[in-house]
Amino acid sequence: MGKPNTKKMQAECDAFNAKNSVGSDVFVKLDFVDEPFRTRTKSTAQILSGHSAVIWLENVSGCYLLDRVSAVPNDRVEGRDAASSRRVPSHDGLCGNGTEVGADDTAMKGDCE
């Protein structure tokens, strides 16, 4: 495998950041989940350790590759609770507020409050 193209990755980060500020509504393709998960960005897109363009997201453990994230179209932007209003898998065993759920459980808004 060749050396990562950091100029290309930086251009991807710059393009994403120019259109999406921190706190923007986005969809992410999570591991082992068919439907895109709606969330918000909690960082700018950046290069991780010189090898991957990534971004950190609310209610998602760790960071995700930038090519798995897409902006929510303007006509689909809803209130602030939109990202937490649907059933989503718990990847880390915690609800968004830090309470524990079972490893195979799913959490809905209200289940974890």
N, C-alpha and C. Protein backbone atom coordinates (compact mmCIF):
# COMPACT_ATOMS: atom_id res chain seq x y z
N MET A 1 0.84 -1.17 0.00
CA MET A 1 0.00 0.00 0.00
C MET A 1 0.89 1.24 0.00
N GLY A 2 0.55 2.21 -0.83
CA GLY A 2 1.36 3.41 -0.94
C GLY A 2 1.15 4.39 0.19
N LYS A 3 1.98 5.40 0.18
CA LYS A 3 1.90 6.46 1.18
C LYS A 3 0.60 7.25 0.99
N PRO A 4 -0.11 7.56 2.08
CA PRO A 4 -1.35 8.33 1.96
C PRO A 4 -1.09 9.70 1.33
N ASN A 5 -2.05 10.17 0.54
CA ASN A 5 -1.94 11.46 -0.12
C ASN A 5 -2.52 12.53 0.82
N THR A 6 -1.66 13.12 1.62
CA THR A 6 -2.13 14.08 2.62
C THR A 6 -2.69 15.35 1.98
N LYS A 7 -2.18 15.73 0.82
CA LYS A 7 -2.72 16.92 0.14
C LYS A 7 -4.16 16.68 -0.28
N LYS A 8 -4.45 15.49 -0.80
CA LYS A 8 -5.81 15.16 -1.19
C LYS A 8 -6.73 15.10 0.03
N MET A 9 -6.25 14.47 1.10
CA MET A 9 -7.05 14.38 2.33
C MET A 9 -7.31 15.77 2.91
N GLN A 10 -6.31 16.64 2.89
CA GLN A 10 -6.50 17.99 3.42
C GLN A 10 -7.50 18.76 2.57
N ALA A 11 -7.47 18.56 1.25
CA ALA A 11 -8.44 19.21 0.37
C ALA A 11 -9.86 18.73 0.68
N GLU A 12 -10.02 17.42 0.97
CA GLU A 12 -11.33 16.88 1.35
C GLU A 12 -11.80 17.50 2.66
N CYS A 13 -10.91 17.60 3.63
CA CYS A 13 -11.26 18.22 4.92
C CYS A 13 -11.64 19.69 4.72
N ASP A 14 -10.85 20.41 3.95
CA ASP A 14 -11.12 21.82 3.72
C ASP A 14 -12.47 22.02 3.04
N ALA A 15 -12.78 21.18 2.05
CA ALA A 15 -14.06 21.29 1.34
C ALA A 15 -15.22 20.99 2.28
N PHE A 16 -15.09 19.96 3.11
CA PHE A 16 -16.15 19.63 4.06
C PHE A 16 -16.32 20.77 5.06
N ASN A 17 -15.22 21.26 5.62
CA ASN A 17 -15.28 22.31 6.63
C ASN A 17 -15.84 23.62 6.08
N ALA A 18 -15.61 23.90 4.80
CA ALA A 18 -16.13 25.12 4.18
C ALA A 18 -17.65 25.09 4.11
N LYS A 19 -18.23 23.91 4.00
CA LYS A 19 -19.68 23.77 3.87
C LYS A 19 -20.38 23.40 5.17
N ASN A 20 -19.63 22.90 6.14
CA ASN A 20 -20.22 22.37 7.38
C ASN A 20 -19.43 22.85 8.59
N SER A 21 -20.05 23.69 9.39
CA SER A 21 -19.40 24.16 10.61
C SER A 21 -19.59 23.13 11.72
N VAL A 22 -18.86 23.29 12.81
CA VAL A 22 -19.05 22.43 13.98
C VAL A 22 -20.49 22.62 14.45
N GLY A 23 -21.18 21.51 14.70
CA GLY A 23 -22.59 21.55 15.10
C GLY A 23 -23.55 21.33 13.95
N SER A 24 -23.03 21.13 12.74
CA SER A 24 -23.89 20.89 11.57
C SER A 24 -24.55 19.52 11.64
N ASP A 25 -25.77 19.44 11.12
CA ASP A 25 -26.48 18.17 11.01
C ASP A 25 -25.87 17.35 9.89
N VAL A 26 -25.57 16.08 10.18
CA VAL A 26 -24.99 15.18 9.18
C VAL A 26 -25.57 13.78 9.33
N PHE A 27 -25.39 12.98 8.30
CA PHE A 27 -25.66 11.55 8.35
C PHE A 27 -24.31 10.84 8.34
N VAL A 28 -24.22 9.74 9.08
CA VAL A 28 -23.01 8.93 9.07
C VAL A 28 -23.41 7.48 8.82
N LYS A 29 -22.62 6.77 8.05
CA LYS A 29 -22.82 5.33 7.83
C LYS A 29 -22.02 4.61 8.90
N LEU A 30 -22.75 4.16 9.95
CA LEU A 30 -22.11 3.47 11.06
C LEU A 30 -21.74 2.04 10.68
N ASP A 31 -20.81 1.47 11.42
CA ASP A 31 -20.44 0.07 11.24
C ASP A 31 -21.63 -0.81 11.60
N PHE A 32 -21.91 -1.81 10.78
CA PHE A 32 -22.91 -2.84 11.06
C PHE A 32 -24.34 -2.31 11.15
N VAL A 33 -24.62 -1.14 10.58
CA VAL A 33 -25.96 -0.56 10.59
C VAL A 33 -26.30 -0.17 9.15
N ASP A 34 -27.47 -0.62 8.68
CA ASP A 34 -27.84 -0.37 7.29
C ASP A 34 -28.26 1.08 7.03
N GLU A 35 -29.06 1.65 7.93
CA GLU A 35 -29.56 3.01 7.73
C GLU A 35 -28.55 4.04 8.19
N PRO A 36 -28.47 5.17 7.47
CA PRO A 36 -27.61 6.25 7.94
C PRO A 36 -28.11 6.77 9.28
N PHE A 37 -27.20 7.16 10.15
CA PHE A 37 -27.52 7.69 11.47
C PHE A 37 -27.37 9.20 11.43
N ARG A 38 -28.40 9.90 11.87
CA ARG A 38 -28.37 11.36 11.88
C ARG A 38 -27.76 11.85 13.19
N THR A 39 -26.82 12.77 13.07
CA THR A 39 -26.13 13.31 14.23
C THR A 39 -25.65 14.72 13.90
N ARG A 40 -24.74 15.23 14.70
CA ARG A 40 -24.14 16.55 14.46
C ARG A 40 -22.62 16.43 14.61
N THR A 41 -21.93 17.30 13.89
CA THR A 41 -20.47 17.32 14.02
C THR A 41 -20.09 17.95 15.35
N LYS A 42 -19.04 17.43 15.96
CA LYS A 42 -18.52 18.08 17.18
C LYS A 42 -17.05 18.48 17.02
N SER A 43 -16.57 18.41 15.79
CA SER A 43 -15.22 18.89 15.47
C SER A 43 -15.22 19.30 14.00
N THR A 44 -14.11 19.89 13.60
CA THR A 44 -13.90 20.08 12.18
C THR A 44 -13.33 18.79 11.61
N ALA A 45 -13.45 18.60 10.32
CA ALA A 45 -12.80 17.46 9.66
C ALA A 45 -11.29 17.69 9.70
N GLN A 46 -10.54 16.62 9.93
CA GLN A 46 -9.09 16.74 10.04
C GLN A 46 -8.41 15.43 9.68
N ILE A 47 -7.12 15.51 9.46
CA ILE A 47 -6.35 14.32 9.14
C ILE A 47 -5.88 13.69 10.44
N LEU A 48 -6.15 12.41 10.60
CA LEU A 48 -5.78 11.67 11.80
C LEU A 48 -4.45 10.96 11.57
N SER A 49 -3.45 11.33 12.31
CA SER A 49 -2.13 10.68 12.30
C SER A 49 -1.54 10.53 10.90
N GLY A 50 -1.85 11.45 10.00
CA GLY A 50 -1.27 11.45 8.67
C GLY A 50 -1.81 10.41 7.71
N HIS A 51 -2.88 9.68 8.10
CA HIS A 51 -3.34 8.60 7.22
C HIS A 51 -4.82 8.61 6.87
N SER A 52 -5.68 9.35 7.59
CA SER A 52 -7.12 9.28 7.33
C SER A 52 -7.80 10.62 7.59
N ALA A 53 -8.71 11.00 6.69
CA ALA A 53 -9.55 12.19 6.90
C ALA A 53 -10.74 11.75 7.75
N VAL A 54 -10.89 12.36 8.94
CA VAL A 54 -11.91 11.92 9.89
C VAL A 54 -12.65 13.12 10.48
N ILE A 55 -13.72 12.79 11.22
CA ILE A 55 -14.47 13.79 11.96
C ILE A 55 -15.07 13.13 13.19
N TRP A 56 -15.21 13.90 14.27
CA TRP A 56 -15.85 13.42 15.49
C TRP A 56 -17.30 13.89 15.48
N LEU A 57 -18.20 13.03 15.97
CA LEU A 57 -19.64 13.27 15.88
C LEU A 57 -20.31 13.09 17.24
N GLU A 58 -21.41 13.81 17.45
CA GLU A 58 -22.18 13.66 18.68
C GLU A 58 -22.82 12.28 18.73
N ASN A 59 -22.91 11.70 19.90
CA ASN A 59 -23.56 10.40 20.14
C ASN A 59 -22.93 9.25 19.36
N VAL A 60 -21.67 9.39 19.00
CA VAL A 60 -20.93 8.35 18.28
C VAL A 60 -19.56 8.23 18.95
N SER A 61 -19.17 7.01 19.30
CA SER A 61 -17.87 6.80 19.93
C SER A 61 -16.76 6.91 18.89
N GLY A 62 -15.71 7.57 19.24
CA GLY A 62 -14.56 7.70 18.36
C GLY A 62 -14.85 8.62 17.20
N CYS A 63 -14.03 8.50 16.16
CA CYS A 63 -14.23 9.32 14.96
C CYS A 63 -14.58 8.41 13.80
N TYR A 64 -15.08 9.02 12.73
CA TYR A 64 -15.44 8.26 11.53
C TYR A 64 -14.74 8.85 10.32
N LEU A 65 -14.44 7.99 9.35
CA LEU A 65 -13.85 8.45 8.11
C LEU A 65 -14.78 9.46 7.46
N LEU A 66 -14.22 10.52 6.93
CA LEU A 66 -15.00 11.59 6.34
C LEU A 66 -15.84 11.11 5.16
N ASP A 67 -15.36 10.10 4.44
CA ASP A 67 -16.14 9.62 3.29
C ASP A 67 -17.39 8.85 3.70
N ARG A 68 -17.59 8.63 5.01
CA ARG A 68 -18.80 7.98 5.51
C ARG A 68 -19.79 8.98 6.09
N VAL A 69 -19.49 10.27 5.94
CA VAL A 69 -20.31 11.34 6.51
C VAL A 69 -20.82 12.24 5.38
N SER A 70 -22.10 12.60 5.45
CA SER A 70 -22.67 13.53 4.47
C SER A 70 -23.59 14.53 5.17
N ALA A 71 -23.63 15.73 4.64
CA ALA A 71 -24.46 16.78 5.22
C ALA A 71 -25.93 16.45 5.04
N VAL A 72 -26.74 16.86 6.01
CA VAL A 72 -28.19 16.74 5.88
C VAL A 72 -28.64 17.88 4.97
N PRO A 73 -29.40 17.58 3.92
CA PRO A 73 -29.89 18.65 3.04
C PRO A 73 -30.67 19.69 3.85
N ASN A 74 -30.58 20.95 3.46
CA ASN A 74 -31.23 22.04 4.19
C ASN A 74 -32.71 21.82 4.41
N ASP A 75 -33.40 21.20 3.46
CA ASP A 75 -34.84 21.00 3.63
C ASP A 75 -35.15 19.91 4.65
N ARG A 76 -34.15 19.19 5.15
CA ARG A 76 -34.37 18.14 6.13
C ARG A 76 -33.86 18.51 7.52
N VAL A 77 -33.34 19.72 7.67
CA VAL A 77 -32.84 20.15 8.97
C VAL A 77 -34.04 20.45 9.87
N GLU A 78 -34.03 19.83 11.05
CA GLU A 78 -35.12 19.98 12.00
C GLU A 78 -34.59 20.59 13.28
N GLY A 79 -35.36 20.48 14.34
CA GLY A 79 -34.95 21.01 15.63
C GLY A 79 -33.74 20.30 16.18
N ARG A 80 -33.17 20.82 17.24
CA ARG A 80 -31.94 20.29 17.84
C ARG A 80 -32.08 18.84 18.28
N ASP A 81 -33.29 18.38 18.64
CA ASP A 81 -33.47 17.02 19.11
C ASP A 81 -33.59 16.00 17.99
N ALA A 82 -33.54 16.42 16.74
CA ALA A 82 -33.74 15.49 15.63
C ALA A 82 -32.74 14.34 15.64
N ALA A 83 -31.49 14.63 15.99
CA ALA A 83 -30.45 13.59 15.96
C ALA A 83 -30.70 12.51 17.00
N SER A 84 -31.38 12.84 18.09
CA SER A 84 -31.55 11.85 19.15
C SER A 84 -32.97 11.30 19.21
N SER A 85 -33.79 11.57 18.20
CA SER A 85 -35.20 11.21 18.28
C SER A 85 -35.52 9.87 17.64
N ARG A 86 -34.56 9.15 17.12
CA ARG A 86 -34.84 7.87 16.50
C ARG A 86 -34.09 6.76 17.20
N ARG A 87 -34.52 5.53 17.00
CA ARG A 87 -33.90 4.38 17.64
C ARG A 87 -32.54 4.13 16.99
N VAL A 88 -31.50 4.05 17.82
CA VAL A 88 -30.15 3.84 17.32
C VAL A 88 -29.44 2.81 18.18
N PRO A 89 -28.49 2.10 17.62
CA PRO A 89 -27.76 1.11 18.43
C PRO A 89 -26.83 1.81 19.41
N SER A 90 -26.63 1.18 20.53
CA SER A 90 -25.67 1.68 21.51
C SER A 90 -24.36 0.93 21.27
N HIS A 91 -23.35 1.63 20.78
CA HIS A 91 -22.08 0.99 20.47
C HIS A 91 -21.16 0.88 21.67
N ASP A 92 -21.37 1.74 22.65
CA ASP A 92 -20.45 1.74 23.79
C ASP A 92 -21.12 1.35 25.10
N GLY A 93 -22.40 0.92 25.03
CA GLY A 93 -23.09 0.51 26.25
C GLY A 93 -23.58 1.67 27.09
N LEU A 94 -23.50 2.88 26.56
CA LEU A 94 -23.94 4.05 27.30
C LEU A 94 -24.95 4.84 26.48
N CYS A 95 -25.92 5.42 27.16
CA CYS A 95 -26.81 6.37 26.52
C CYS A 95 -26.04 7.68 26.40
N GLY A 96 -26.60 8.63 25.67
CA GLY A 96 -25.96 9.92 25.50
C GLY A 96 -25.70 10.63 26.81
N ASN A 97 -26.46 10.29 27.86
CA ASN A 97 -26.26 10.96 29.14
C ASN A 97 -25.38 10.15 30.08
N GLY A 98 -24.79 9.04 29.60
CA GLY A 98 -23.86 8.26 30.39
C GLY A 98 -24.47 7.09 31.15
N THR A 99 -25.80 6.90 31.11
CA THR A 99 -26.39 5.75 31.77
C THR A 99 -26.17 4.52 30.93
N GLU A 100 -26.04 3.37 31.59
CA GLU A 100 -25.74 2.14 30.87
C GLU A 100 -26.99 1.51 30.27
N VAL A 101 -26.81 0.88 29.11
CA VAL A 101 -27.83 0.04 28.49
C VAL A 101 -27.15 -1.27 28.15
N GLY A 102 -27.92 -2.32 27.92
CA GLY A 102 -27.34 -3.62 27.57
C GLY A 102 -26.62 -3.58 26.24
N ALA A 103 -25.68 -4.48 26.05
CA ALA A 103 -24.86 -4.49 24.84
C ALA A 103 -25.69 -4.66 23.59
N ASP A 104 -26.79 -5.41 23.65
CA ASP A 104 -27.62 -5.63 22.46
C ASP A 104 -28.84 -4.74 22.43
N ASP A 105 -28.96 -3.82 23.40
CA ASP A 105 -30.11 -2.93 23.46
C ASP A 105 -30.00 -1.83 22.43
N THR A 106 -31.14 -1.23 22.15
CA THR A 106 -31.17 0.01 21.40
C THR A 106 -31.75 1.06 22.32
N ALA A 107 -31.38 2.27 22.10
CA ALA A 107 -31.87 3.35 22.95
C ALA A 107 -32.66 4.34 22.13
N MET A 108 -33.81 4.77 22.68
CA MET A 108 -34.59 5.83 22.06
C MET A 108 -34.52 7.03 22.97
N LYS A 109 -34.74 8.19 22.36
CA LYS A 109 -34.84 9.39 23.17
C LYS A 109 -35.89 9.15 24.24
N GLY A 110 -35.57 9.39 25.45
CA GLY A 110 -36.48 9.15 26.55
C GLY A 110 -36.11 7.90 27.31
N ASP A 111 -35.60 6.85 26.62
CA ASP A 111 -35.20 5.62 27.29
C ASP A 111 -34.02 5.86 28.22
N CYS A 112 -33.19 6.81 27.89
CA CYS A 112 -31.94 7.04 28.61
C CYS A 112 -32.02 8.24 29.54
N GLU A 113 -33.15 8.90 29.61
CA GLU A 113 -33.24 10.10 30.43
C GLU A 113 -33.65 9.78 31.84
